[in-house]
Amino acid sequence: QVQLVEAGGGLVQAGGSLRLSCAASGRTFSGYAMGWFRQAPGKERVFVAAITWNGGTTYYADSVFGRFTVSRDKANNTEYLQMNSLKPEDTAVYYCAAAVRWEYGLRNERSYNSWGQGTQVTVSS
C-alpha cells in the first residue's frame, strides 16, 4: 500500500496560481499511475488529471485542460499539480491517488487503490 500526503492548498484570487504536491511513501512508487481528483461542497468527487508511471502520458478533465499541468518526480516520489488561471469554480478539496492497475481507466476513481487526505483549494472572485 502506498501512503500519500498532499500539500500546497490555500486561498488564492481568481487568475492566480497554486502548485499542489503529493508525497508518496510505503511501497515502491514506480509502476503506479497517479491521479488528482477534487470534490466541491455538496458535489461528488470528480477527476482532474492523471499521469502514467513513466510520465509519458497525461490526462485532463476538459474543465482544467490548458490551465493545469500534472507531473511527477520519481526520484523524490512526488507528484505535482500546477494550477494556473484559477477560477472560483476550481474551489474544492483536492485529492491525490495512486493506481496499480487501471482496469477502469485513469479517469475513473475505481481504478485507484490509495488516496491522500485531501488539501483545500479556495479561489476567491
N, C-alpha and C. Protein backbone atom coordinates (compact mmCIF):
# COMPACT_ATOMS: atom_id res chain seq x y z
N GLN A 1 0.84 -1.19 0.00
CA GLN A 1 0.00 0.00 0.00
C GLN A 1 0.88 1.24 0.00
N VAL A 2 0.47 2.22 -0.76
CA VAL A 2 1.19 3.48 -0.84
C VAL A 2 0.50 4.50 0.05
N GLN A 3 1.27 5.21 0.84
CA GLN A 3 0.72 6.31 1.65
C GLN A 3 0.97 7.62 0.91
N LEU A 4 -0.06 8.47 0.86
CA LEU A 4 0.01 9.71 0.10
C LEU A 4 -0.33 10.89 0.99
N VAL A 5 0.43 11.96 0.86
CA VAL A 5 0.18 13.18 1.64
C VAL A 5 0.24 14.38 0.71
N GLU A 6 -0.89 15.09 0.62
CA GLU A 6 -0.94 16.28 -0.23
C GLU A 6 -0.51 17.51 0.55
N ALA A 7 -0.05 18.51 -0.19
CA ALA A 7 0.29 19.81 0.38
C ALA A 7 0.16 20.86 -0.70
N GLY A 8 0.10 22.13 -0.28
CA GLY A 8 0.13 23.22 -1.24
C GLY A 8 -1.19 23.92 -1.45
N GLY A 9 -2.25 23.44 -0.81
CA GLY A 9 -3.53 24.12 -0.96
C GLY A 9 -3.52 25.46 -0.25
N GLY A 10 -4.58 26.23 -0.48
CA GLY A 10 -4.69 27.51 0.17
C GLY A 10 -5.72 28.39 -0.49
N LEU A 11 -5.67 29.68 -0.15
CA LEU A 11 -6.59 30.67 -0.68
C LEU A 11 -5.87 31.52 -1.72
N VAL A 12 -6.48 31.68 -2.87
CA VAL A 12 -5.87 32.46 -3.95
C VAL A 12 -6.97 33.22 -4.68
N GLN A 13 -6.62 34.36 -5.25
CA GLN A 13 -7.58 35.11 -6.03
C GLN A 13 -7.74 34.52 -7.42
N ALA A 14 -8.89 34.77 -8.01
CA ALA A 14 -9.13 34.30 -9.37
C ALA A 14 -8.02 34.83 -10.29
N GLY A 15 -7.56 33.94 -11.17
CA GLY A 15 -6.46 34.28 -12.06
C GLY A 15 -5.10 33.90 -11.51
N GLY A 16 -5.04 33.56 -10.25
CA GLY A 16 -3.78 33.20 -9.62
C GLY A 16 -3.40 31.76 -9.85
N SER A 17 -2.32 31.35 -9.20
CA SER A 17 -1.76 30.01 -9.38
C SER A 17 -1.47 29.36 -8.03
N LEU A 18 -1.51 28.05 -8.04
CA LEU A 18 -1.08 27.24 -6.90
C LEU A 18 -0.43 25.99 -7.45
N ARG A 19 0.48 25.42 -6.67
CA ARG A 19 1.04 24.13 -7.03
C ARG A 19 0.82 23.17 -5.87
N LEU A 20 0.11 22.10 -6.16
CA LEU A 20 -0.10 21.05 -5.17
C LEU A 20 0.97 19.99 -5.33
N SER A 21 1.33 19.39 -4.21
CA SER A 21 2.26 18.27 -4.25
C SER A 21 1.64 17.08 -3.54
N CYS A 22 2.12 15.91 -3.89
CA CYS A 22 1.64 14.67 -3.30
C CYS A 22 2.86 13.78 -3.06
N ALA A 23 3.23 13.63 -1.81
CA ALA A 23 4.39 12.83 -1.45
C ALA A 23 3.96 11.40 -1.15
N ALA A 24 4.65 10.45 -1.76
CA ALA A 24 4.31 9.04 -1.59
C ALA A 24 5.35 8.34 -0.74
N SER A 25 4.89 7.41 0.06
CA SER A 25 5.79 6.60 0.87
C SER A 25 5.20 5.20 0.97
N GLY A 26 5.96 4.27 1.49
CA GLY A 26 5.49 2.90 1.61
C GLY A 26 6.04 2.06 0.47
N ARG A 27 5.19 1.35 -0.22
CA ARG A 27 5.64 0.52 -1.33
C ARG A 27 6.25 1.38 -2.42
N THR A 28 7.06 0.77 -3.25
CA THR A 28 7.75 1.49 -4.29
C THR A 28 6.81 2.34 -5.11
N PHE A 29 7.24 3.52 -5.41
CA PHE A 29 6.44 4.47 -6.15
C PHE A 29 6.35 4.11 -7.63
N SER A 30 7.40 3.48 -8.16
CA SER A 30 7.43 3.20 -9.58
C SER A 30 6.38 2.14 -9.91
N GLY A 31 5.82 2.23 -11.10
CA GLY A 31 4.79 1.30 -11.52
C GLY A 31 3.39 1.80 -11.24
N TYR A 32 3.23 2.80 -10.39
CA TYR A 32 1.92 3.35 -10.08
C TYR A 32 1.61 4.51 -11.02
N ALA A 33 0.40 4.53 -11.52
CA ALA A 33 -0.10 5.74 -12.16
C ALA A 33 -0.64 6.63 -11.04
N MET A 34 -0.61 7.91 -11.26
CA MET A 34 -1.05 8.85 -10.24
C MET A 34 -2.14 9.75 -10.79
N GLY A 35 -3.06 10.12 -9.93
CA GLY A 35 -4.15 10.99 -10.37
C GLY A 35 -4.49 12.04 -9.34
N TRP A 36 -5.23 13.03 -9.80
CA TRP A 36 -5.80 14.07 -8.94
C TRP A 36 -7.31 14.11 -9.16
N PHE A 37 -8.02 14.20 -8.07
CA PHE A 37 -9.46 14.35 -8.10
C PHE A 37 -9.81 15.54 -7.21
N ARG A 38 -11.03 16.06 -7.34
CA ARG A 38 -11.46 17.14 -6.46
C ARG A 38 -12.93 16.99 -6.12
N GLN A 39 -13.28 17.52 -4.97
CA GLN A 39 -14.66 17.47 -4.51
C GLN A 39 -15.05 18.83 -3.98
N ALA A 40 -16.01 19.44 -4.66
CA ALA A 40 -16.55 20.72 -4.22
C ALA A 40 -17.67 20.47 -3.21
N PRO A 41 -17.99 21.45 -2.38
CA PRO A 41 -19.05 21.27 -1.38
C PRO A 41 -20.36 20.85 -2.00
N GLY A 42 -20.95 19.79 -1.47
CA GLY A 42 -22.23 19.32 -1.97
C GLY A 42 -22.19 18.59 -3.28
N LYS A 43 -21.00 18.31 -3.79
CA LYS A 43 -20.88 17.64 -5.09
C LYS A 43 -20.05 16.37 -4.96
N GLU A 44 -20.13 15.53 -5.97
CA GLU A 44 -19.36 14.30 -5.99
C GLU A 44 -17.89 14.60 -6.34
N ARG A 45 -17.05 13.67 -5.96
CA ARG A 45 -15.64 13.80 -6.30
C ARG A 45 -15.48 13.50 -7.80
N VAL A 46 -14.70 14.33 -8.47
CA VAL A 46 -14.53 14.19 -9.92
C VAL A 46 -13.06 14.18 -10.31
N PHE A 47 -12.81 13.62 -11.44
CA PHE A 47 -11.45 13.52 -11.98
C PHE A 47 -10.94 14.90 -12.40
N VAL A 48 -9.64 15.12 -12.15
CA VAL A 48 -8.99 16.36 -12.57
C VAL A 48 -7.87 16.07 -13.57
N ALA A 49 -6.93 15.21 -13.17
CA ALA A 49 -5.78 14.93 -14.03
C ALA A 49 -5.13 13.63 -13.59
N ALA A 50 -4.35 13.03 -14.49
CA ALA A 50 -3.63 11.81 -14.16
C ALA A 50 -2.38 11.71 -15.02
N ILE A 51 -1.43 10.89 -14.55
CA ILE A 51 -0.18 10.71 -15.26
C ILE A 51 0.25 9.27 -15.10
N THR A 52 0.76 8.66 -16.18
CA THR A 52 1.21 7.28 -16.12
C THR A 52 2.52 7.18 -15.34
N TRP A 53 2.92 5.94 -15.01
CA TRP A 53 4.06 5.77 -14.10
C TRP A 53 5.35 6.32 -14.67
N ASN A 54 5.52 6.29 -15.98
CA ASN A 54 6.75 6.82 -16.55
C ASN A 54 6.60 8.27 -16.97
N GLY A 55 5.44 8.84 -16.69
CA GLY A 55 5.21 10.24 -17.04
C GLY A 55 4.98 10.49 -18.50
N GLY A 56 4.85 9.42 -19.28
CA GLY A 56 4.77 9.59 -20.72
C GLY A 56 3.41 10.04 -21.22
N THR A 57 2.38 9.77 -20.45
CA THR A 57 1.02 10.13 -20.87
C THR A 57 0.31 10.84 -19.74
N THR A 58 -0.36 11.91 -20.09
CA THR A 58 -1.15 12.65 -19.11
C THR A 58 -2.60 12.76 -19.58
N TYR A 59 -3.48 12.91 -18.63
CA TYR A 59 -4.92 13.03 -18.90
C TYR A 59 -5.46 14.20 -18.11
N TYR A 60 -6.42 14.91 -18.69
CA TYR A 60 -7.01 16.06 -18.02
C TYR A 60 -8.52 16.09 -18.23
N ALA A 61 -9.19 16.60 -17.22
CA ALA A 61 -10.61 16.91 -17.40
C ALA A 61 -10.72 18.12 -18.32
N ASP A 62 -11.78 18.17 -19.08
CA ASP A 62 -11.98 19.29 -20.00
C ASP A 62 -11.97 20.62 -19.27
N SER A 63 -12.46 20.63 -18.05
CA SER A 63 -12.60 21.88 -17.30
C SER A 63 -11.26 22.48 -16.89
N VAL A 64 -10.19 21.67 -16.91
CA VAL A 64 -8.89 22.18 -16.47
C VAL A 64 -7.84 22.13 -17.58
N PHE A 65 -8.19 21.54 -18.71
CA PHE A 65 -7.23 21.39 -19.80
C PHE A 65 -6.71 22.75 -20.24
N GLY A 66 -5.38 22.86 -20.34
CA GLY A 66 -4.76 24.12 -20.73
C GLY A 66 -4.43 25.03 -19.57
N ARG A 67 -4.97 24.74 -18.40
CA ARG A 67 -4.70 25.56 -17.21
C ARG A 67 -3.89 24.79 -16.16
N PHE A 68 -4.14 23.49 -16.05
CA PHE A 68 -3.47 22.65 -15.06
C PHE A 68 -2.45 21.75 -15.75
N THR A 69 -1.38 21.45 -15.03
CA THR A 69 -0.36 20.54 -15.53
C THR A 69 0.02 19.56 -14.44
N VAL A 70 -0.06 18.27 -14.77
CA VAL A 70 0.32 17.21 -13.83
C VAL A 70 1.71 16.72 -14.19
N SER A 71 2.52 16.46 -13.18
CA SER A 71 3.87 15.96 -13.41
C SER A 71 4.28 15.09 -12.22
N ARG A 72 5.37 14.38 -12.38
CA ARG A 72 5.85 13.57 -11.26
C ARG A 72 7.37 13.54 -11.26
N ASP A 73 7.90 13.45 -10.06
CA ASP A 73 9.34 13.34 -9.84
C ASP A 73 9.57 11.99 -9.20
N LYS A 74 9.94 10.99 -10.02
CA LYS A 74 10.08 9.64 -9.49
C LYS A 74 11.21 9.54 -8.49
N ALA A 75 12.25 10.32 -8.68
CA ALA A 75 13.39 10.26 -7.77
C ALA A 75 13.00 10.66 -6.35
N ASN A 76 12.04 11.59 -6.25
CA ASN A 76 11.60 12.07 -4.94
C ASN A 76 10.22 11.56 -4.56
N ASN A 77 9.69 10.62 -5.34
CA ASN A 77 8.38 10.01 -5.04
C ASN A 77 7.31 11.08 -4.83
N THR A 78 7.27 12.05 -5.70
CA THR A 78 6.33 13.15 -5.55
C THR A 78 5.62 13.44 -6.87
N GLU A 79 4.34 13.72 -6.75
CA GLU A 79 3.53 14.13 -7.89
C GLU A 79 3.11 15.58 -7.67
N TYR A 80 2.96 16.31 -8.76
CA TYR A 80 2.60 17.72 -8.66
C TYR A 80 1.39 18.03 -9.54
N LEU A 81 0.66 19.05 -9.13
CA LEU A 81 -0.40 19.60 -9.96
C LEU A 81 -0.22 21.12 -9.96
N GLN A 82 0.26 21.63 -11.08
CA GLN A 82 0.41 23.07 -11.25
C GLN A 82 -0.91 23.62 -11.76
N MET A 83 -1.47 24.56 -11.03
CA MET A 83 -2.78 25.10 -11.38
C MET A 83 -2.64 26.59 -11.66
N ASN A 84 -2.90 26.97 -12.90
CA ASN A 84 -2.82 28.36 -13.33
C ASN A 84 -4.19 28.87 -13.73
N SER A 85 -4.31 30.18 -13.81
CA SER A 85 -5.57 30.82 -14.23
C SER A 85 -6.75 30.26 -13.44
N LEU A 86 -6.58 30.20 -12.15
CA LEU A 86 -7.60 29.59 -11.31
C LEU A 86 -8.90 30.39 -11.33
N LYS A 87 -10.00 29.65 -11.23
CA LYS A 87 -11.34 30.23 -11.25
C LYS A 87 -12.06 29.86 -9.96
N PRO A 88 -13.06 30.64 -9.57
CA PRO A 88 -13.82 30.29 -8.36
C PRO A 88 -14.39 28.88 -8.41
N GLU A 89 -14.75 28.41 -9.60
CA GLU A 89 -15.31 27.06 -9.71
C GLU A 89 -14.27 25.97 -9.52
N ASP A 90 -13.00 26.32 -9.38
CA ASP A 90 -11.96 25.35 -9.05
C ASP A 90 -11.91 25.10 -7.54
N THR A 91 -12.66 25.86 -6.77
CA THR A 91 -12.67 25.67 -5.32
C THR A 91 -13.16 24.28 -4.97
N ALA A 92 -12.35 23.55 -4.19
CA ALA A 92 -12.67 22.17 -3.83
C ALA A 92 -11.57 21.63 -2.92
N VAL A 93 -11.84 20.47 -2.37
CA VAL A 93 -10.78 19.69 -1.73
C VAL A 93 -10.16 18.82 -2.81
N TYR A 94 -8.86 18.88 -2.93
CA TYR A 94 -8.14 18.15 -3.95
C TYR A 94 -7.46 16.93 -3.32
N TYR A 95 -7.63 15.79 -3.98
CA TYR A 95 -7.08 14.52 -3.51
C TYR A 95 -6.13 13.95 -4.55
N CYS A 96 -5.00 13.44 -4.09
CA CYS A 96 -4.17 12.66 -4.99
C CYS A 96 -4.42 11.18 -4.73
N ALA A 97 -4.15 10.37 -5.73
CA ALA A 97 -4.43 8.95 -5.64
C ALA A 97 -3.44 8.17 -6.48
N ALA A 98 -3.24 6.91 -6.10
CA ALA A 98 -2.32 6.03 -6.82
C ALA A 98 -3.06 4.81 -7.34
N ALA A 99 -2.73 4.39 -8.54
CA ALA A 99 -3.38 3.24 -9.18
C ALA A 99 -2.34 2.23 -9.60
N VAL A 100 -2.49 0.98 -9.12
CA VAL A 100 -1.58 -0.09 -9.53
C VAL A 100 -1.97 -0.60 -10.91
N ARG A 101 -3.22 -0.94 -11.05
CA ARG A 101 -3.75 -1.35 -12.34
C ARG A 101 -5.00 -0.52 -12.60
N TRP A 102 -5.12 0.01 -13.76
CA TRP A 102 -6.22 0.92 -14.03
C TRP A 102 -7.19 0.30 -15.04
N GLU A 103 -7.81 -0.80 -14.59
CA GLU A 103 -8.72 -1.50 -15.47
C GLU A 103 -9.94 -0.68 -15.83
N TYR A 104 -10.26 0.34 -15.02
CA TYR A 104 -11.40 1.21 -15.32
C TYR A 104 -10.96 2.49 -16.01
N GLY A 105 -9.68 2.61 -16.29
CA GLY A 105 -9.15 3.83 -16.88
C GLY A 105 -8.76 4.83 -15.80
N LEU A 106 -7.86 5.72 -16.12
CA LEU A 106 -7.34 6.64 -15.13
C LEU A 106 -8.28 7.80 -14.81
N ARG A 107 -9.36 7.92 -15.53
CA ARG A 107 -10.34 8.96 -15.23
C ARG A 107 -11.39 8.48 -14.22
N ASN A 108 -11.34 7.18 -13.92
CA ASN A 108 -12.33 6.57 -13.04
C ASN A 108 -11.71 6.31 -11.67
N GLU A 109 -12.32 6.82 -10.61
CA GLU A 109 -11.71 6.68 -9.30
C GLU A 109 -11.68 5.23 -8.82
N ARG A 110 -12.47 4.36 -9.43
CA ARG A 110 -12.43 2.95 -9.05
C ARG A 110 -11.08 2.30 -9.39
N SER A 111 -10.31 2.92 -10.24
CA SER A 111 -9.00 2.37 -10.60
C SER A 111 -7.95 2.61 -9.53
N TYR A 112 -8.22 3.48 -8.58
CA TYR A 112 -7.21 3.94 -7.63
C TYR A 112 -7.28 3.17 -6.31
N ASN A 113 -6.10 2.75 -5.83
CA ASN A 113 -6.01 1.92 -4.64
C ASN A 113 -5.70 2.70 -3.37
N SER A 114 -5.01 3.82 -3.52
CA SER A 114 -4.58 4.59 -2.35
C SER A 114 -4.96 6.05 -2.56
N TRP A 115 -5.33 6.70 -1.46
CA TRP A 115 -5.77 8.10 -1.52
C TRP A 115 -5.10 8.91 -0.42
N GLY A 116 -4.84 10.18 -0.73
CA GLY A 116 -4.38 11.10 0.28
C GLY A 116 -5.55 11.65 1.08
N GLN A 117 -5.24 12.49 2.05
CA GLN A 117 -6.27 13.02 2.95
C GLN A 117 -6.97 14.24 2.37
N GLY A 118 -6.39 14.82 1.33
CA GLY A 118 -7.00 15.97 0.69
C GLY A 118 -6.42 17.29 1.16
N THR A 119 -6.43 18.28 0.28
CA THR A 119 -5.98 19.63 0.62
C THR A 119 -6.97 20.62 0.02
N GLN A 120 -7.33 21.62 0.81
CA GLN A 120 -8.35 22.59 0.39
C GLN A 120 -7.75 23.65 -0.53
N VAL A 121 -8.44 23.89 -1.63
CA VAL A 121 -8.10 24.99 -2.53
C VAL A 121 -9.33 25.90 -2.62
N THR A 122 -9.13 27.16 -2.30
CA THR A 122 -10.22 28.13 -2.35
C THR A 122 -9.82 29.28 -3.26
N VAL A 123 -10.64 29.55 -4.26
CA VAL A 123 -10.36 30.61 -5.22
C VAL A 123 -11.42 31.68 -5.05
N SER A 124 -11.01 32.87 -4.68
CA SER A 124 -11.94 33.97 -4.47
C SER A 124 -12.11 34.78 -5.75
N SER A 125 -13.31 35.33 -5.91
CA SER A 125 -13.59 36.10 -7.13
C SER A 125 -13.23 37.57 -6.94
